[in-house]
Amino acid sequence: MRRPFASVLALAATAAAIPLAAPAPAAADSVVIGGFPVEISASPWTVALSSRDRFGGTRAGQFCGGVVISPSQVLTAAHCLGTEVLGAPPEQTRDLKVVADRGDLLSNDGKEISVRDIWVNPGYDAHTNAGDFGVLTLATPLPESSVIRMAPSGDPAYEPGTDAVVYGWGDTTGGGDYAGSLRAARVNVLPDAACKAAYPGDSDGTYQAASMLCAGETEGGRDACQGDSGGPLVAQGRLIGLVSWGSGCGRAGSPGVYTRVSDVVRTLGKKKR
């Protein structure tokens, strides 16, 4: 699987499957095959998770992505908030911040916002990768213009064949070349049958349609990679997925797997009751 420390949009493929977060101070920027640079103003709901204590000052300490779902809430992958990634329980990561309105991580643009509260989905299963999401509550709210709407169950944006875009600052080659500036890649939502065939259940994980979706290209190519975990998959102007896991980056027959946002909507709805 692509493991926690998911970093930008890769196209070439190496590495075994691991949830997508970013495991060490990232390397220099490089050109992603099949991806393209994006201005943060075009996707203001895309944010970076940062811990300089854990990941160093390079690239502002970025290690995962996140998505603004309300002025005070950021959605990300549960595995980004695990001890394996942070080195300690998230509540003990004192410098955990959300970096907003900053496309270029080497700049001082935007703002770095402290996290007031952390909630990790209690249904997250690290073995199958099901339920891979958590919510960060910000100490200072962002404007409404930074919020993206989550697609509920039945939304046509989940239909196979739908064009989607995934965003991140992660590995651009599958070889540890992390981006300094926000990038994106166009992918297609794939049928559940193709996803189940790719991930029937082994050490990589198990595809479960109720809480996952997958996207990419049948022949391989455009994909998310290490350091992109928790970042958004957007279709028809709505959030449909969070970068979660997969086998390698951009491999033929091994599409990227995303947390299905309709499952997030359902779970958070129950949580509020």
Protein backbone atom coordinates (compact mmCIF):
# COMPACT_ATOMS: atom_id res chain seq x y z
CA MET A 1 0.00 0.00 0.00
CA ARG A 2 1.00 3.59 -0.20
CA ARG A 3 1.60 4.29 3.45
CA PRO A 4 0.73 7.31 5.60
CA PHE A 5 2.68 10.22 4.35
CA ALA A 6 0.83 10.63 1.16
CA SER A 7 2.50 13.26 -0.93
CA VAL A 8 1.69 14.56 -4.52
CA LEU A 9 0.29 13.14 -7.69
CA ALA A 10 2.35 10.37 -9.15
CA LEU A 11 2.28 8.71 -12.44
CA ALA A 12 5.19 6.38 -12.53
CA ALA A 13 5.09 3.46 -10.21
CA THR A 14 7.33 1.87 -7.68
CA ALA A 15 6.92 0.91 -4.06
CA ALA A 16 4.58 -1.52 -2.47
CA ALA A 17 1.10 -0.54 -1.46
CA ILE A 18 0.76 1.84 1.46
CA PRO A 19 -1.75 4.40 2.78
CA LEU A 20 -0.74 7.76 1.31
CA ALA A 21 0.96 10.07 3.82
CA ALA A 22 4.40 11.64 3.69
CA PRO A 23 7.15 9.87 5.63
CA ALA A 24 10.04 12.21 6.00
CA PRO A 25 11.15 15.67 5.06
CA ALA A 26 10.27 15.71 1.40
CA ALA A 27 12.70 15.99 -1.45
CA ALA A 28 12.93 18.74 -4.05
CA ASP A 29 10.08 19.53 -6.40
CA SER A 30 9.85 17.73 -9.73
CA VAL A 31 7.49 17.50 -12.65
CA VAL A 32 4.68 15.00 -12.24
CA ILE A 33 3.81 12.95 -15.29
CA GLY A 34 0.16 13.46 -16.09
CA GLY A 35 -0.32 16.10 -13.42
CA PHE A 36 -0.29 19.89 -13.57
CA PRO A 37 0.29 22.83 -11.23
CA VAL A 38 -2.74 24.43 -9.59
CA GLU A 39 -3.22 27.85 -8.03
CA ILE A 40 -4.56 27.56 -4.49
CA SER A 41 -7.20 30.17 -5.38
CA ALA A 42 -8.74 27.60 -7.73
CA SER A 43 -9.10 25.05 -4.92
CA PRO A 44 -9.16 27.02 -1.64
CA TRP A 45 -10.62 24.02 0.20
CA THR A 46 -7.35 22.10 -0.27
CA VAL A 47 -5.13 22.42 2.80
CA ALA A 48 -1.91 20.86 4.05
CA LEU A 49 -1.37 19.16 7.41
CA SER A 50 1.87 20.26 9.01
CA SER A 51 4.17 19.28 11.86
CA ARG A 52 7.63 20.82 11.69
CA ASP A 53 8.68 18.98 14.85
CA ARG A 54 8.03 15.68 13.09
CA PHE A 55 8.82 16.48 9.44
CA GLY A 56 11.18 19.42 9.52
CA GLY A 57 10.90 22.93 8.14
CA THR A 58 11.22 21.97 4.49
CA ARG A 59 7.90 22.40 2.73
CA ALA A 60 6.37 23.83 5.93
CA GLY A 61 6.37 20.41 7.61
CA GLN A 62 3.69 19.09 5.23
CA PHE A 63 2.92 15.39 5.56
CA CYS A 64 -0.71 14.94 4.45
CA GLY A 65 -3.53 16.83 2.82
CA GLY A 66 -6.95 17.83 4.03
CA VAL A 67 -10.21 19.38 2.85
CA VAL A 68 -12.22 22.23 4.37
CA ILE A 69 -15.80 20.97 4.91
CA SER A 70 -16.98 23.81 7.17
CA PRO A 71 -15.33 27.06 8.28
CA SER A 72 -13.97 25.33 11.40
CA GLN A 73 -13.57 21.73 10.20
CA VAL A 74 -11.02 19.96 8.02
CA LEU A 75 -11.52 16.41 6.81
CA THR A 76 -8.47 14.18 6.37
CA ALA A 77 -7.47 10.51 6.35
CA ALA A 78 -7.55 8.67 9.69
CA HIS A 79 -4.19 7.09 8.96
CA CYS A 80 -2.62 10.57 8.76
CA LEU A 81 -3.49 10.99 12.44
CA GLY A 82 -2.04 7.68 13.61
CA THR A 83 1.01 7.06 15.75
CA GLU A 84 2.78 5.42 12.80
CA VAL A 85 2.76 8.75 10.99
CA LEU A 86 2.98 11.28 13.82
CA GLY A 87 5.22 9.25 16.11
CA ALA A 88 2.76 9.78 18.97
CA PRO A 89 -0.99 10.05 19.50
CA PRO A 90 -2.32 13.11 17.63
CA GLU A 91 -3.26 14.95 20.82
CA GLN A 92 0.42 14.84 21.78
CA THR A 93 1.55 16.46 18.52
CA ARG A 94 1.71 19.98 19.89
CA ASP A 95 2.62 21.73 16.65
CA LEU A 96 0.00 20.05 14.43
CA LYS A 97 -1.37 22.77 12.15
CA VAL A 98 -3.46 23.23 9.05
CA VAL A 99 -1.85 25.33 6.32
CA ALA A 100 -4.49 27.17 4.31
CA ASP A 101 -4.35 29.49 1.28
CA ARG A 102 -0.77 28.44 0.52
CA GLY A 103 -0.15 26.64 -2.76
CA ASP A 104 3.63 27.06 -2.61
CA LEU A 105 4.83 25.41 0.60
CA LEU A 106 8.16 27.23 0.31
CA SER A 107 6.41 30.60 0.65
CA ASN A 108 4.90 32.44 3.61
CA ASP A 109 1.52 32.92 1.93
CA GLY A 110 -1.75 32.11 3.62
CA LYS A 111 -2.04 31.09 7.23
CA GLU A 112 -1.05 28.30 9.58
CA ILE A 113 -3.93 27.47 11.91
CA SER A 114 -3.66 25.55 15.16
CA VAL A 115 -5.89 22.53 15.70
CA ARG A 116 -8.29 22.79 18.64
CA ASP A 117 -9.73 19.28 18.53
CA ILE A 118 -9.08 15.96 16.74
CA TRP A 119 -11.69 13.30 16.04
CA VAL A 120 -10.71 10.01 14.37
CA ASN A 121 -13.45 7.77 13.02
CA PRO A 122 -13.81 4.98 15.62
CA GLY A 123 -14.83 2.65 12.79
CA TYR A 124 -11.51 3.00 10.99
CA ASP A 125 -9.96 -0.41 10.26
CA ALA A 126 -6.23 -0.19 9.60
CA HIS A 127 -6.18 -3.74 8.16
CA THR A 128 -8.80 -3.26 5.45
CA ASN A 129 -8.39 0.56 5.31
CA ALA A 130 -12.17 0.99 5.67
CA GLY A 131 -13.49 4.15 7.27
CA ASP A 132 -10.25 6.07 6.70
CA PHE A 133 -11.20 9.56 7.84
CA GLY A 134 -10.98 11.98 10.71
CA VAL A 135 -11.95 15.58 11.43
CA LEU A 136 -9.78 18.43 12.71
CA THR A 137 -11.48 21.36 14.41
CA LEU A 138 -9.65 24.62 13.81
CA ALA A 139 -8.82 27.18 16.49
CA THR A 140 -9.57 29.97 14.00
CA PRO A 141 -12.29 29.58 11.34
CA LEU A 142 -11.74 29.98 7.63
CA PRO A 143 -14.15 31.90 5.36
CA GLU A 144 -17.17 30.18 3.84
CA SER A 145 -15.54 30.61 0.43
CA SER A 146 -12.96 27.98 1.47
CA VAL A 147 -15.60 25.27 2.01
CA ILE A 148 -16.43 22.55 -0.53
CA ARG A 149 -19.70 20.64 -0.46
CA MET A 150 -19.55 16.91 0.28
CA ALA A 151 -21.43 14.67 -2.17
CA PRO A 152 -24.07 12.54 -0.41
CA SER A 153 -25.08 9.00 -1.34
CA GLY A 154 -26.72 8.81 -4.74
CA ASP A 155 -24.97 11.88 -6.09
CA PRO A 156 -24.23 11.43 -9.83
CA ALA A 157 -20.62 12.50 -9.23
CA TYR A 158 -19.95 8.93 -8.00
CA GLU A 159 -20.98 7.35 -11.30
CA PRO A 160 -18.26 5.23 -13.00
CA GLY A 161 -16.63 7.11 -15.84
CA THR A 162 -17.05 10.49 -14.18
CA ASP A 163 -14.09 12.83 -14.64
CA ALA A 164 -12.50 13.79 -11.34
CA VAL A 165 -9.46 15.70 -10.12
CA VAL A 166 -7.20 14.79 -7.19
CA TYR A 167 -5.05 17.42 -5.47
CA GLY A 168 -1.90 17.24 -3.35
CA TRP A 169 1.70 18.07 -2.54
CA GLY A 170 2.95 14.49 -2.54
CA ASP A 171 5.41 12.32 -4.42
CA THR A 172 5.38 13.18 -8.11
CA THR A 173 7.26 10.12 -9.40
CA GLY A 174 6.76 7.29 -6.92
CA GLY A 175 10.43 7.67 -6.04
CA GLY A 176 10.34 10.22 -3.22
CA ASP A 177 10.26 13.42 -5.29
CA TYR A 178 7.90 15.65 -3.32
CA ALA A 179 6.32 18.77 -4.75
CA GLY A 180 6.82 22.22 -3.28
CA SER A 181 3.69 23.59 -4.94
CA LEU A 182 0.17 22.24 -5.18
CA ARG A 183 -0.47 19.91 -8.09
CA ALA A 184 -3.47 18.06 -9.48
CA ALA A 185 -4.18 15.12 -11.76
CA ARG A 186 -7.25 14.18 -13.76
CA VAL A 187 -8.56 10.67 -13.14
CA ASN A 188 -11.74 8.71 -13.86
CA VAL A 189 -14.06 7.17 -11.29
CA LEU A 190 -13.89 3.41 -11.86
CA PRO A 191 -16.57 0.72 -11.42
CA ASP A 192 -16.67 -1.08 -8.08
CA ALA A 193 -16.14 -4.39 -9.89
CA ALA A 194 -12.76 -3.21 -11.21
CA CYS A 195 -11.76 -2.01 -7.76
CA LYS A 196 -12.75 -5.30 -6.12
CA ALA A 197 -10.78 -7.23 -8.74
CA ALA A 198 -7.70 -5.09 -8.05
CA TYR A 199 -7.96 -5.39 -4.25
CA PRO A 200 -9.81 -8.61 -3.32
CA GLY A 201 -8.24 -8.74 0.13
CA ASP A 202 -4.57 -9.21 1.02
CA SER A 203 -1.81 -7.36 2.85
CA ASP A 204 -2.51 -4.23 0.78
CA GLY A 205 -6.09 -3.90 1.97
CA THR A 206 -9.59 -4.92 0.97
CA TYR A 207 -11.80 -2.88 -1.33
CA GLN A 208 -15.18 -2.25 0.28
CA ALA A 209 -17.61 -0.32 -1.89
CA ALA A 210 -19.66 0.99 1.04
CA SER A 211 -16.77 3.07 2.34
CA MET A 212 -14.38 3.29 -0.61
CA LEU A 213 -14.20 4.23 -4.28
CA CYS A 214 -11.32 4.02 -6.68
CA ALA A 215 -10.17 6.21 -9.51
CA GLY A 216 -7.38 6.32 -12.05
CA GLU A 217 -6.63 4.94 -15.48
CA THR A 218 -7.00 1.27 -16.42
CA GLU A 219 -3.58 1.28 -18.06
CA GLY A 220 -2.00 3.10 -15.13
CA GLY A 221 -0.62 6.60 -15.10
CA ARG A 222 -2.27 9.52 -13.33
CA ASP A 223 -2.64 8.83 -9.63
CA ALA A 224 -2.07 10.11 -6.10
CA CYS A 225 1.00 8.97 -4.19
CA GLN A 226 2.82 9.22 -0.84
CA GLY A 227 2.16 12.55 0.86
CA ASP A 228 -1.23 13.05 -0.82
CA SER A 229 -3.19 11.16 1.86
CA GLY A 230 -6.25 12.96 3.13
CA GLY A 231 -6.35 15.24 0.10
CA PRO A 232 -9.47 15.80 -2.01
CA LEU A 233 -10.91 13.95 -4.99
CA VAL A 234 -13.40 16.31 -6.60
CA ALA A 235 -15.98 15.65 -9.32
CA GLN A 236 -18.65 17.98 -10.67
CA GLY A 237 -17.68 20.59 -8.09
CA ARG A 238 -18.26 18.31 -5.12
CA LEU A 239 -15.99 16.33 -2.79
CA ILE A 240 -16.37 12.61 -3.47
CA GLY A 241 -13.19 11.09 -2.04
CA LEU A 242 -10.15 11.42 0.22
CA VAL A 243 -6.79 9.99 -0.87
CA SER A 244 -6.44 6.80 1.19
CA TRP A 245 -4.39 3.86 -0.16
CA GLY A 246 -3.37 1.73 -3.10
CA SER A 247 -0.65 -0.53 -4.49
CA GLY A 248 2.24 1.60 -5.67
CA CYS A 249 1.59 4.80 -7.60
CA GLY A 250 0.15 4.83 -11.10
CA ARG A 251 0.49 1.09 -11.67
CA ALA A 252 -1.64 -0.57 -14.33
CA GLY A 253 -4.37 -2.61 -12.67
CA SER A 254 -3.79 -0.93 -9.28
CA PRO A 255 -5.94 2.20 -9.15
CA GLY A 256 -5.86 4.64 -6.26
CA VAL A 257 -8.39 3.94 -3.53
CA TYR A 258 -10.23 6.79 -1.84
CA THR A 259 -12.42 7.10 1.22
CA ARG A 260 -15.98 7.41 -0.12
CA VAL A 261 -17.28 10.75 1.11
CA SER A 262 -20.91 9.60 1.17
CA ASP A 263 -19.83 7.26 4.00
CA VAL A 264 -18.30 10.26 5.77
CA VAL A 265 -21.58 12.19 5.40
CA ARG A 266 -23.53 9.25 6.82
CA THR A 267 -21.15 8.71 9.75
CA LEU A 268 -20.91 12.38 10.70
CA GLY A 269 -24.70 12.65 10.47
CA LYS A 270 -25.04 9.87 13.04
CA LYS A 271 -22.36 11.48 15.22
CA LYS A 272 -24.37 14.72 15.46
CA ARG A 273 -27.50 12.94 16.71
